[in-house]
């Protein structure tokens, strides 16, 4: 691939995936129409399908400083609109940094691109960026599936990723909004998020997420806690003892105990566990803690409740 094709942002990724796979004629077209136009920056509009919601200001300023020093090495790619203006197909970061740098005109390729291709260009270009946060990547995958009518297998081929990678990314969209926000803001990593996804109860997911932020849990620690929280709370009947028929009010008691467990979990900020034998009514309450600091906090709550 030539430098011009590379500057356009096509054909990246192993196996010839990405934008080159989306529009296979693109590289040949650029070689044939390699002239770069100088476009007035005030006549350029952002891409309305741009999936990236966060542009790091510090990185934009660094790119702007580089543009001031050496100019734009990779031209933008634009399409012309009926009103005479131009719309960004790819290169929005370069466009924003150029405005910061005070450029009056920017180099660009001008191509004929329809709305469907615009959407796919924007989504796939962003997916291939290393600094795209995991949630933005997941949203981009879902939009490609929903709006471009792709299967997960077709999508994986276009973005040159394993299907399992795409599937795991899409699962992030099932997380509660609070956890999604933490992932977007990089308060937790993709590994933390995947561990939280393994927790079956949503409230427990949120509680474990909050503890992860507060105590700085590692991914391995979250995985361990997730396994503990998913363990069944009822004990096996003691051996060599006949099991009595369940009492008629077992379901009512079960609901009451579950409500109590939920309330205590909220009170102590940890997943309280109940173990109770239905035939005898005996059992125990377990309040887990992950560190000395967490134990001190739980004891402080107990002290307050005792007063």
C-alpha atoms as a PDB file:
ATOM      1  CA  UNK A   1       0.000   0.000   0.000  1.00  0.00           C
ATOM      2  CA  UNK A   2       1.336   3.410  -0.932  1.00  0.00           C
ATOM      3  CA  UNK A   3       1.900   6.297   1.412  1.00  0.00           C
ATOM      4  CA  UNK A   4      -1.093   8.053  -0.113  1.00  0.00           C
ATOM      5  CA  UNK A   5      -3.374   5.107   0.628  1.00  0.00           C
ATOM      6  CA  UNK A   6      -1.991   4.870   4.136  1.00  0.00           C
ATOM      7  CA  UNK A   7      -2.581   8.573   4.713  1.00  0.00           C
ATOM      8  CA  UNK A   8      -6.196   8.043   3.716  1.00  0.00           C
ATOM      9  CA  UNK A   9      -6.568   5.564   6.545  1.00  0.00           C
ATOM     10  CA  UNK A  10      -7.553   2.569   4.421  1.00  0.00           C
ATOM     11  CA  UNK A  11      -6.710  -1.086   4.537  1.00  0.00           C
ATOM     12  CA  UNK A  12      -5.414  -1.071   8.106  1.00  0.00           C
ATOM     13  CA  UNK A  13      -5.476  -4.150  10.256  1.00  0.00           C
ATOM     14  CA  UNK A  14      -4.332  -7.704   9.528  1.00  0.00           C
ATOM     15  CA  UNK A  15      -5.833  -9.632   6.670  1.00  0.00           C
ATOM     16  CA  UNK A  16      -6.736  -6.543   4.626  1.00  0.00           C
ATOM     17  CA  UNK A  17      -9.690  -5.605   6.830  1.00  0.00           C
ATOM     18  CA  UNK A  18     -10.976  -2.202   7.776  1.00  0.00           C
ATOM     19  CA  UNK A  19     -11.919   0.519   5.327  1.00  0.00           C
ATOM     20  CA  UNK A  20     -10.120  -1.180   2.467  1.00  0.00           C
ATOM     21  CA  UNK A  21     -12.335  -4.222   2.989  1.00  0.00           C
ATOM     22  CA  UNK A  22     -15.388  -2.000   3.241  1.00  0.00           C
ATOM     23  CA  UNK A  23     -14.682  -0.261  -0.083  1.00  0.00           C
ATOM     24  CA  UNK A  24     -12.197  -2.504  -1.910  1.00  0.00           C
ATOM     25  CA  UNK A  25     -11.954  -0.074  -4.820  1.00  0.00           C
ATOM     26  CA  UNK A  26     -10.761   2.724  -2.514  1.00  0.00           C
ATOM     27  CA  UNK A  27      -7.005   2.173  -2.746  1.00  0.00           C
ATOM     28  CA  UNK A  28      -7.111   1.938  -6.537  1.00  0.00           C
ATOM     29  CA  UNK A  29      -9.318   5.019  -6.686  1.00  0.00           C
ATOM     30  CA  UNK A  30      -6.871   7.056  -4.599  1.00  0.00           C
ATOM     31  CA  UNK A  31      -3.937   6.007  -6.760  1.00  0.00           C
ATOM     32  CA  UNK A  32      -5.909   7.118  -9.809  1.00  0.00           C
ATOM     33  CA  UNK A  33      -7.161  10.369  -8.239  1.00  0.00           C
ATOM     34  CA  UNK A  34      -4.258  11.219  -5.983  1.00  0.00           C
ATOM     35  CA  UNK A  35      -4.542  15.002  -6.282  1.00  0.00           C
ATOM     36  CA  UNK A  36      -4.910  16.692  -2.916  1.00  0.00           C
ATOM     37  CA  UNK A  37      -7.083  19.807  -2.698  1.00  0.00           C
ATOM     38  CA  UNK A  38      -6.593  22.695  -0.319  1.00  0.00           C
ATOM     39  CA  UNK A  39      -9.976  23.250   1.360  1.00  0.00           C
ATOM     40  CA  UNK A  40     -11.016  26.303   3.382  1.00  0.00           C
ATOM     41  CA  UNK A  41     -11.385  25.019   6.944  1.00  0.00           C
ATOM     42  CA  UNK A  42     -14.475  27.181   7.490  1.00  0.00           C
ATOM     43  CA  UNK A  43     -16.248  25.274   4.721  1.00  0.00           C
ATOM     44  CA  UNK A  44     -15.779  21.903   6.451  1.00  0.00           C
ATOM     45  CA  UNK A  45     -18.485  20.281   8.576  1.00  0.00           C
ATOM     46  CA  UNK A  46     -18.125  17.454  11.098  1.00  0.00           C
ATOM     47  CA  UNK A  47     -19.385  13.978  10.327  1.00  0.00           C
ATOM     48  CA  UNK A  48     -22.883  13.605  11.870  1.00  0.00           C
ATOM     49  CA  UNK A  49     -22.266   9.857  12.182  1.00  0.00           C
ATOM     50  CA  UNK A  50     -19.081  10.357  14.189  1.00  0.00           C
ATOM     51  CA  UNK A  51     -19.273   7.712  16.981  1.00  0.00           C
ATOM     52  CA  UNK A  52     -16.480   9.219  19.060  1.00  0.00           C
ATOM     53  CA  UNK A  53     -17.981  11.326  21.837  1.00  0.00           C
ATOM     54  CA  UNK A  54     -14.764  12.141  23.724  1.00  0.00           C
ATOM     55  CA  UNK A  55     -11.785  13.887  22.151  1.00  0.00           C
ATOM     56  CA  UNK A  56      -8.932  14.169  24.633  1.00  0.00           C
ATOM     57  CA  UNK A  57      -8.079  17.871  24.810  1.00  0.00           C
ATOM     58  CA  UNK A  58      -4.443  17.299  25.753  1.00  0.00           C
ATOM     59  CA  UNK A  59      -3.944  14.955  22.794  1.00  0.00           C
ATOM     60  CA  UNK A  60      -5.638  17.444  20.465  1.00  0.00           C
ATOM     61  CA  UNK A  61      -3.289  20.172  21.678  1.00  0.00           C
ATOM     62  CA  UNK A  62      -0.261  17.919  21.120  1.00  0.00           C
ATOM     63  CA  UNK A  63      -1.466  17.129  17.593  1.00  0.00           C
ATOM     64  CA  UNK A  64      -2.127  20.832  17.024  1.00  0.00           C
ATOM     65  CA  UNK A  65       1.454  21.679  18.048  1.00  0.00           C
ATOM     66  CA  UNK A  66       2.754  19.025  15.642  1.00  0.00           C
ATOM     67  CA  UNK A  67       0.622  20.455  12.815  1.00  0.00           C
ATOM     68  CA  UNK A  68       1.982  23.927  13.509  1.00  0.00           C
ATOM     69  CA  UNK A  69       5.508  22.520  13.289  1.00  0.00           C
ATOM     70  CA  UNK A  70       5.329  20.201  10.259  1.00  0.00           C
ATOM     71  CA  UNK A  71       1.833  20.604   8.814  1.00  0.00           C
ATOM     72  CA  UNK A  72      -0.736  17.874   8.111  1.00  0.00           C
ATOM     73  CA  UNK A  73       1.078  14.774   6.856  1.00  0.00           C
ATOM     74  CA  UNK A  74      -2.083  12.738   6.243  1.00  0.00           C
ATOM     75  CA  UNK A  75      -4.743  14.663   4.278  1.00  0.00           C
ATOM     76  CA  UNK A  76      -8.341  14.576   5.461  1.00  0.00           C
ATOM     77  CA  UNK A  77     -10.974  12.780   3.397  1.00  0.00           C
ATOM     78  CA  UNK A  78     -14.081  14.809   2.601  1.00  0.00           C
ATOM     79  CA  UNK A  79     -17.227  14.638   0.515  1.00  0.00           C
ATOM     80  CA  UNK A  80     -18.866  17.667  -1.053  1.00  0.00           C
ATOM     81  CA  UNK A  81     -22.378  18.630   0.044  1.00  0.00           C
ATOM     82  CA  UNK A  82     -25.134  20.157  -2.121  1.00  0.00           C
ATOM     83  CA  UNK A  83     -24.643  23.529  -0.359  1.00  0.00           C
ATOM     84  CA  UNK A  84     -21.021  23.662  -1.504  1.00  0.00           C
ATOM     85  CA  UNK A  85     -19.517  22.838   1.884  1.00  0.00           C
ATOM     86  CA  UNK A  86     -17.574  19.690   2.669  1.00  0.00           C
ATOM     87  CA  UNK A  87     -18.253  16.974   5.228  1.00  0.00           C
ATOM     88  CA  UNK A  88     -15.593  14.905   6.968  1.00  0.00           C
ATOM     89  CA  UNK A  89     -15.405  11.268   5.924  1.00  0.00           C
ATOM     90  CA  UNK A  90     -12.278  10.564   7.965  1.00  0.00           C
ATOM     91  CA  UNK A  91      -9.817  12.686   9.902  1.00  0.00           C
ATOM     92  CA  UNK A  92     -11.925  14.549  12.448  1.00  0.00           C
ATOM     93  CA  UNK A  93      -9.089  14.693  14.999  1.00  0.00           C
ATOM     94  CA  UNK A  94      -6.836  16.270  12.367  1.00  0.00           C
ATOM     95  CA  UNK A  95      -9.613  18.737  11.530  1.00  0.00           C
ATOM     96  CA  UNK A  96     -10.121  19.742  15.174  1.00  0.00           C
ATOM     97  CA  UNK A  97      -6.369  20.031  15.785  1.00  0.00           C
ATOM     98  CA  UNK A  98      -5.981  22.129  12.625  1.00  0.00           C
ATOM     99  CA  UNK A  99      -8.612  24.576  13.883  1.00  0.00           C
ATOM    100  CA  UNK A 100      -6.696  24.808  17.174  1.00  0.00           C
ATOM    101  CA  UNK A 101      -3.527  25.457  15.211  1.00  0.00           C
ATOM    102  CA  UNK A 102      -5.221  28.337  13.393  1.00  0.00           C
ATOM    103  CA  UNK A 103      -4.942  26.836   9.908  1.00  0.00           C
ATOM    104  CA  UNK A 104      -6.994  28.573   7.210  1.00  0.00           C
ATOM    105  CA  UNK A 105      -6.878  25.687   4.715  1.00  0.00           C
ATOM    106  CA  UNK A 106      -6.241  21.963   5.074  1.00  0.00           C
ATOM    107  CA  UNK A 107      -5.161  19.331   2.515  1.00  0.00           C
ATOM    108  CA  UNK A 108      -7.872  16.813   1.679  1.00  0.00           C
ATOM    109  CA  UNK A 109      -9.041  14.167  -0.751  1.00  0.00           C
ATOM    110  CA  UNK A 110     -12.580  14.829  -1.990  1.00  0.00           C
ATOM    111  CA  UNK A 111     -14.583  11.700  -2.790  1.00  0.00           C
ATOM    112  CA  UNK A 112     -18.135  10.759  -3.654  1.00  0.00           C
ATOM    113  CA  UNK A 113     -19.455   8.838  -0.654  1.00  0.00           C
ATOM    114  CA  UNK A 114     -23.107   8.059   0.100  1.00  0.00           C
ATOM    115  CA  UNK A 115     -24.667   8.170   3.573  1.00  0.00           C
ATOM    116  CA  UNK A 116     -24.398   4.418   4.207  1.00  0.00           C
ATOM    117  CA  UNK A 117     -20.702   4.398   3.353  1.00  0.00           C
ATOM    118  CA  UNK A 118     -20.181   7.525   5.487  1.00  0.00           C
ATOM    119  CA  UNK A 119     -21.525   5.718   8.522  1.00  0.00           C
ATOM    120  CA  UNK A 120     -19.349   2.677   7.927  1.00  0.00           C
ATOM    121  CA  UNK A 121     -16.265   4.814   7.267  1.00  0.00           C
ATOM    122  CA  UNK A 122     -16.733   6.711  10.523  1.00  0.00           C
ATOM    123  CA  UNK A 123     -17.454   3.645  12.637  1.00  0.00           C
ATOM    124  CA  UNK A 124     -14.724   1.412  11.276  1.00  0.00           C
ATOM    125  CA  UNK A 125     -12.079   4.150  11.285  1.00  0.00           C
ATOM    126  CA  UNK A 126     -12.805   4.798  14.950  1.00  0.00           C
ATOM    127  CA  UNK A 127     -12.839   1.104  15.881  1.00  0.00           C
ATOM    128  CA  UNK A 128      -9.308   0.805  14.502  1.00  0.00           C
ATOM    129  CA  UNK A 129      -8.017   3.637  16.699  1.00  0.00           C
ATOM    130  CA  UNK A 130      -5.934   2.369  19.622  1.00  0.00           C
ATOM    131  CA  UNK A 131      -7.231   5.059  21.988  1.00  0.00           C
ATOM    132  CA  UNK A 132     -10.933   4.346  21.485  1.00  0.00           C
ATOM    133  CA  UNK A 133     -12.412   3.495  24.878  1.00  0.00           C
ATOM    134  CA  UNK A 134     -14.036   0.032  25.192  1.00  0.00           C
ATOM    135  CA  UNK A 135     -17.579   1.383  25.484  1.00  0.00           C
ATOM    136  CA  UNK A 136     -17.269   3.556  22.374  1.00  0.00           C
ATOM    137  CA  UNK A 137     -15.949   0.493  20.550  1.00  0.00           C
ATOM    138  CA  UNK A 138     -18.912  -1.609  21.731  1.00  0.00           C
ATOM    139  CA  UNK A 139     -21.389   1.093  20.659  1.00  0.00           C
ATOM    140  CA  UNK A 140     -19.710   1.294  17.246  1.00  0.00           C
ATOM    141  CA  UNK A 141     -20.023  -2.482  16.818  1.00  0.00           C
ATOM    142  CA  UNK A 142     -23.704  -2.369  17.746  1.00  0.00           C
ATOM    143  CA  UNK A 143     -24.374   0.487  15.327  1.00  0.00           C
ATOM    144  CA  UNK A 144     -22.681  -1.404  12.496  1.00  0.00           C
ATOM    145  CA  UNK A 145     -24.888  -4.404  13.258  1.00  0.00           C
ATOM    146  CA  UNK A 146     -28.101  -2.402  13.604  1.00  0.00           C
ATOM    147  CA  UNK A 147     -27.674   0.315  10.984  1.00  0.00           C
ATOM    148  CA  UNK A 148     -25.531  -1.464   8.397  1.00  0.00           C
ATOM    149  CA  UNK A 149     -27.327  -4.791   8.804  1.00  0.00           C
ATOM    150  CA  UNK A 150     -24.219  -6.857   9.495  1.00  0.00           C
ATOM    151  CA  UNK A 151     -23.969 -10.128  11.377  1.00  0.00           C
ATOM    152  CA  UNK A 152     -21.346 -10.482  14.100  1.00  0.00           C
ATOM    153  CA  UNK A 153     -19.338 -12.710  11.773  1.00  0.00           C
ATOM    154  CA  UNK A 154     -19.454 -10.160   8.926  1.00  0.00           C
ATOM    155  CA  UNK A 155     -18.552  -7.379  11.342  1.00  0.00           C
ATOM    156  CA  UNK A 156     -15.590  -9.298  12.750  1.00  0.00           C
ATOM    157  CA  UNK A 157     -14.279  -9.827   9.212  1.00  0.00           C
ATOM    158  CA  UNK A 158     -14.626  -6.131   8.295  1.00  0.00           C
ATOM    159  CA  UNK A 159     -12.765  -4.891  11.370  1.00  0.00           C
ATOM    160  CA  UNK A 160     -10.192  -7.725  11.270  1.00  0.00           C
ATOM    161  CA  UNK A 161     -10.972  -9.040  14.745  1.00  0.00           C
ATOM    162  CA  UNK A 162     -11.992 -12.410  16.115  1.00  0.00           C
ATOM    163  CA  UNK A 163     -15.721 -12.943  16.452  1.00  0.00           C
ATOM    164  CA  UNK A 164     -15.257 -13.701  20.170  1.00  0.00           C
ATOM    165  CA  UNK A 165     -13.626 -10.269  20.575  1.00  0.00           C
ATOM    166  CA  UNK A 166     -16.646  -8.605  18.988  1.00  0.00           C
ATOM    167  CA  UNK A 167     -19.062 -10.672  21.091  1.00  0.00           C
ATOM    168  CA  UNK A 168     -17.264  -9.841  24.360  1.00  0.00           C
ATOM    169  CA  UNK A 169     -17.224  -6.174  23.437  1.00  0.00           C
ATOM    170  CA  UNK A 170     -20.980  -6.131  22.721  1.00  0.00           C
ATOM    171  CA  UNK A 171     -21.664  -7.700  26.130  1.00  0.00           C
ATOM    172  CA  UNK A 172     -20.413  -4.491  27.765  1.00  0.00           C
ATOM    173  CA  UNK A 173     -23.637  -2.814  26.654  1.00  0.00           C
ATOM    174  CA  UNK A 174     -25.529  -5.069  29.084  1.00  0.00           C
ATOM    175  CA  UNK A 175     -23.788  -3.470  32.083  1.00  0.00           C
ATOM    176  CA  UNK A 176     -25.742  -0.962  34.226  1.00  0.00           C
ATOM    177  CA  UNK A 177     -25.389   2.677  33.174  1.00  0.00           C
ATOM    178  CA  UNK A 178     -23.225   3.531  36.221  1.00  0.00           C
ATOM    179  CA  UNK A 179     -20.664   0.886  35.321  1.00  0.00           C
ATOM    180  CA  UNK A 180     -20.729   1.850  31.640  1.00  0.00           C
ATOM    181  CA  UNK A 181     -19.936   5.430  32.664  1.00  0.00           C
ATOM    182  CA  UNK A 182     -16.971   4.219  34.755  1.00  0.00           C
ATOM    183  CA  UNK A 183     -15.681   2.213  31.806  1.00  0.00           C
ATOM    184  CA  UNK A 184     -16.060   5.202  29.479  1.00  0.00           C
ATOM    185  CA  UNK A 185     -14.150   7.403  31.925  1.00  0.00           C
ATOM    186  CA  UNK A 186     -11.496   4.665  32.325  1.00  0.00           C
ATOM    187  CA  UNK A 187     -12.127   4.272  36.055  1.00  0.00           C
ATOM    188  CA  UNK A 188     -12.161   0.529  35.394  1.00  0.00           C
ATOM    189  CA  UNK A 189     -10.566  -1.550  32.679  1.00  0.00           C
ATOM    190  CA  UNK A 190     -12.069  -3.927  30.143  1.00  0.00           C
ATOM    191  CA  UNK A 191     -10.901  -6.779  32.400  1.00  0.00           C
ATOM    192  CA  UNK A 192     -12.797  -5.364  35.377  1.00  0.00           C
ATOM    193  CA  UNK A 193     -15.910  -4.941  33.237  1.00  0.00           C
ATOM    194  CA  UNK A 194     -15.790  -8.525  31.978  1.00  0.00           C
ATOM    195  CA  UNK A 195     -15.438  -9.794  35.554  1.00  0.00           C
ATOM    196  CA  UNK A 196     -18.441  -7.708  36.626  1.00  0.00           C
ATOM    197  CA  UNK A 197     -20.462  -9.138  33.735  1.00  0.00           C
ATOM    198  CA  UNK A 198     -20.063 -12.586  35.272  1.00  0.00           C
ATOM    199  CA  UNK A 199     -22.014 -11.455  38.378  1.00  0.00           C
ATOM    200  CA  UNK A 200     -25.628 -12.472  37.929  1.00  0.00           C
ATOM    201  CA  UNK A 201     -27.330  -9.916  40.207  1.00  0.00           C
ATOM    202  CA  UNK A 202     -27.360  -6.321  38.914  1.00  0.00           C
ATOM    203  CA  UNK A 203     -27.292  -4.724  42.383  1.00  0.00           C
ATOM    204  CA  UNK A 204     -24.315  -6.886  43.311  1.00  0.00           C
ATOM    205  CA  UNK A 205     -22.604  -5.807  40.076  1.00  0.00           C
ATOM    206  CA  UNK A 206     -23.012  -2.148  41.036  1.00  0.00           C
ATOM    207  CA  UNK A 207     -21.894  -2.763  44.622  1.00  0.00           C
ATOM    208  CA  UNK A 208     -18.768  -4.629  43.470  1.00  0.00           C
ATOM    209  CA  UNK A 209     -18.055  -1.894  40.926  1.00  0.00           C
ATOM    210  CA  UNK A 210     -18.230   0.761  43.651  1.00  0.00           C
ATOM    211  CA  UNK A 211     -15.919  -1.277  45.878  1.00  0.00           C
ATOM    212  CA  UNK A 212     -13.493  -1.690  42.971  1.00  0.00           C
ATOM    213  CA  UNK A 213     -13.306   2.087  42.569  1.00  0.00           C
ATOM    214  CA  UNK A 214     -13.031   2.723  46.319  1.00  0.00           C
ATOM    215  CA  UNK A 215     -10.405   0.087  47.125  1.00  0.00           C
ATOM    216  CA  UNK A 216      -8.598  -0.182  43.804  1.00  0.00           C
ATOM    217  CA  UNK A 217      -9.298  -3.884  43.294  1.00  0.00           C
ATOM    218  CA  UNK A 218      -7.253  -5.680  40.666  1.00  0.00           C
ATOM    219  CA  UNK A 219      -8.998  -7.589  37.886  1.00  0.00           C
ATOM    220  CA  UNK A 220      -8.077 -10.869  39.578  1.00  0.00           C
ATOM    221  CA  UNK A 221      -9.619  -9.716  42.870  1.00  0.00           C
ATOM    222  CA  UNK A 222     -12.862  -8.750  41.130  1.00  0.00           C
ATOM    223  CA  UNK A 223     -12.927 -12.150  39.418  1.00  0.00           C
ATOM    224  CA  UNK A 224     -12.499 -13.873  42.804  1.00  0.00           C
ATOM    225  CA  UNK A 225     -15.289 -11.830  44.408  1.00  0.00           C
ATOM    226  CA  UNK A 226     -17.551 -12.433  41.405  1.00  0.00           C
ATOM    227  CA  UNK A 227     -17.136 -16.189  41.826  1.00  0.00           C
ATOM    228  CA  UNK A 228     -17.928 -15.905  45.538  1.00  0.00           C
ATOM    229  CA  UNK A 229     -21.046 -13.835  44.933  1.00  0.00           C
ATOM    230  CA  UNK A 230     -22.323 -16.309  42.352  1.00  0.00           C
ATOM    231  CA  UNK A 231     -22.016 -19.286  44.715  1.00  0.00           C
ATOM    232  CA  UNK A 232     -25.356 -20.620  45.962  1.00  0.00           C
ATOM    233  CA  UNK A 233     -26.316 -19.388  49.427  1.00  0.00           C
ATOM    234  CA  UNK A 234     -28.024 -22.551  50.671  1.00  0.00           C
ATOM    235  CA  UNK A 235     -26.103 -25.365  52.387  1.00  0.00           C
ATOM    236  CA  UNK A 236     -26.457 -29.051  51.609  1.00  0.00           C
ATOM    237  CA  UNK A 237     -28.476 -31.114  54.159  1.00  0.00           C
ATOM    238  CA  UNK A 238     -26.357 -32.760  56.830  1.00  0.00           C
ATOM    239  CA  UNK A 239     -25.549 -36.408  56.039  1.00  0.00           C
ATOM    240  CA  UNK A 240     -27.359 -39.324  57.719  1.00  0.00           C
ATOM    241  CA  UNK A 241     -30.276 -37.109  58.767  1.00  0.00           C
ATOM    242  CA  UNK A 242     -33.698 -37.490  57.210  1.00  0.00           C
ATOM    243  CA  UNK A 243     -34.984 -34.433  55.445  1.00  0.00           C
ATOM    244  CA  UNK A 244     -38.334 -33.281  56.751  1.00  0.00           C
ATOM    245  CA  UNK A 245     -40.975 -32.071  54.329  1.00  0.00           C
ATOM    246  CA  UNK A 246     -40.755 -28.352  53.670  1.00  0.00           C
ATOM    247  CA  UNK A 247     -43.168 -26.230  55.648  1.00  0.00           C
ATOM    248  CA  UNK A 248     -45.919 -24.418  53.801  1.00  0.00           C
ATOM    249  CA  UNK A 249     -44.440 -21.035  54.672  1.00  0.00           C
ATOM    250  CA  UNK A 250     -40.995 -21.816  53.197  1.00  0.00           C
ATOM    251  CA  UNK A 251     -41.500 -19.505  50.195  1.00  0.00           C
ATOM    252  CA  UNK A 252     -42.587 -16.596  52.391  1.00  0.00           C
ATOM    253  CA  UNK A 253     -39.603 -17.054  54.668  1.00  0.00           C
ATOM    254  CA  UNK A 254     -37.293 -17.317  51.668  1.00  0.00           C
ATOM    255  CA  UNK A 255     -38.522 -13.984  50.328  1.00  0.00           C
ATOM    256  CA  UNK A 256     -38.158 -12.379  53.752  1.00  0.00           C
ATOM    257  CA  UNK A 257     -34.585 -13.637  54.098  1.00  0.00           C
ATOM    258  CA  UNK A 258     -33.727 -12.415  50.604  1.00  0.00           C
ATOM    259  CA  UNK A 259     -35.047  -8.941  51.424  1.00  0.00           C
ATOM    260  CA  UNK A 260     -33.014  -8.989  54.647  1.00  0.00           C
ATOM    261  CA  UNK A 261     -29.895 -10.070  52.764  1.00  0.00           C
ATOM    262  CA  UNK A 262     -30.371  -7.237  50.263  1.00  0.00           C
ATOM    263  CA  UNK A 263     -30.848  -4.643  53.018  1.00  0.00           C
ATOM    264  CA  UNK A 264     -27.798  -5.833  54.940  1.00  0.00           C
ATOM    265  CA  UNK A 265     -25.701  -5.848  51.764  1.00  0.00           C
ATOM    266  CA  UNK A 266     -26.596  -2.209  51.196  1.00  0.00           C
ATOM    267  CA  UNK A 267     -25.930  -1.360  54.847  1.00  0.00           C
ATOM    268  CA  UNK A 268     -22.453  -2.906  54.953  1.00  0.00           C
ATOM    269  CA  UNK A 269     -21.518  -2.179  51.335  1.00  0.00           C
ATOM    270  CA  UNK A 270     -20.616  -5.796  50.667  1.00  0.00           C
ATOM    271  CA  UNK A 271     -22.465  -8.876  49.451  1.00  0.00           C
ATOM    272  CA  UNK A 272     -23.870 -10.422  52.640  1.00  0.00           C
ATOM    273  CA  UNK A 273     -24.578 -14.143  52.314  1.00  0.00           C
ATOM    274  CA  UNK A 274     -27.205 -16.279  54.026  1.00  0.00           C
ATOM    275  CA  UNK A 275     -26.962 -20.014  54.552  1.00  0.00           C
ATOM    276  CA  UNK A 276     -30.101 -21.649  55.930  1.00  0.00           C
ATOM    277  CA  UNK A 277     -31.336 -25.247  56.127  1.00  0.00           C
ATOM    278  CA  UNK A 278     -35.012 -25.329  55.284  1.00  0.00           C
ATOM    279  CA  UNK A 279     -35.647 -28.466  57.328  1.00  0.00           C
ATOM    280  CA  UNK A 280     -34.271 -27.063  60.603  1.00  0.00           C
ATOM    281  CA  UNK A 281     -34.301 -23.288  60.126  1.00  0.00           C
ATOM    282  CA  UNK A 282     -30.660 -23.153  61.260  1.00  0.00           C
ATOM    283  CA  UNK A 283     -28.087 -21.148  59.358  1.00  0.00           C
ATOM    284  CA  UNK A 284     -25.563 -18.351  59.438  1.00  0.00           C
ATOM    285  CA  UNK A 285     -24.935 -14.870  58.052  1.00  0.00           C
ATOM    286  CA  UNK A 286     -21.580 -14.129  56.411  1.00  0.00           C
ATOM    287  CA  UNK A 287     -20.294 -10.592  55.893  1.00  0.00           C
ATOM    288  CA  UNK A 288     -17.238 -10.829  53.596  1.00  0.00           C
ATOM    289  CA  UNK A 289     -14.508  -8.193  53.461  1.00  0.00           C
ATOM    290  CA  UNK A 290     -11.570  -7.784  51.119  1.00  0.00           C
ATOM    291  CA  UNK A 291      -9.073  -5.859  53.248  1.00  0.00           C
ATOM    292  CA  UNK A 292      -8.329  -4.590  56.748  1.00  0.00           C
ATOM    293  CA  UNK A 293      -9.704  -1.214  55.726  1.00  0.00           C
ATOM    294  CA  UNK A 294     -12.978  -2.774  54.627  1.00  0.00           C
ATOM    295  CA  UNK A 295     -13.197  -4.736  57.900  1.00  0.00           C
ATOM    296  CA  UNK A 296     -12.725  -1.509  59.861  1.00  0.00           C
ATOM    297  CA  UNK A 297     -15.524   0.089  57.881  1.00  0.00           C
ATOM    298  CA  UNK A 298     -17.884  -2.827  58.559  1.00  0.00           C
ATOM    299  CA  UNK A 299     -17.052  -2.767  62.282  1.00  0.00           C
ATOM    300  CA  UNK A 300     -17.718   0.964  62.307  1.00  0.00           C
ATOM    301  CA  UNK A 301     -21.163   0.350  60.806  1.00  0.00           C
ATOM    302  CA  UNK A 302     -21.859  -2.311  63.458  1.00  0.00           C
ATOM    303  CA  UNK A 303     -20.790   0.104  66.204  1.00  0.00           C
ATOM    304  CA  UNK A 304     -23.146   2.769  64.865  1.00  0.00           C
ATOM    305  CA  UNK A 305     -26.022   0.300  64.727  1.00  0.00           C
ATOM    306  CA  UNK A 306     -25.374  -0.836  68.310  1.00  0.00           C
ATOM    307  CA  UNK A 307     -25.624   2.684  69.711  1.00  0.00           C
END
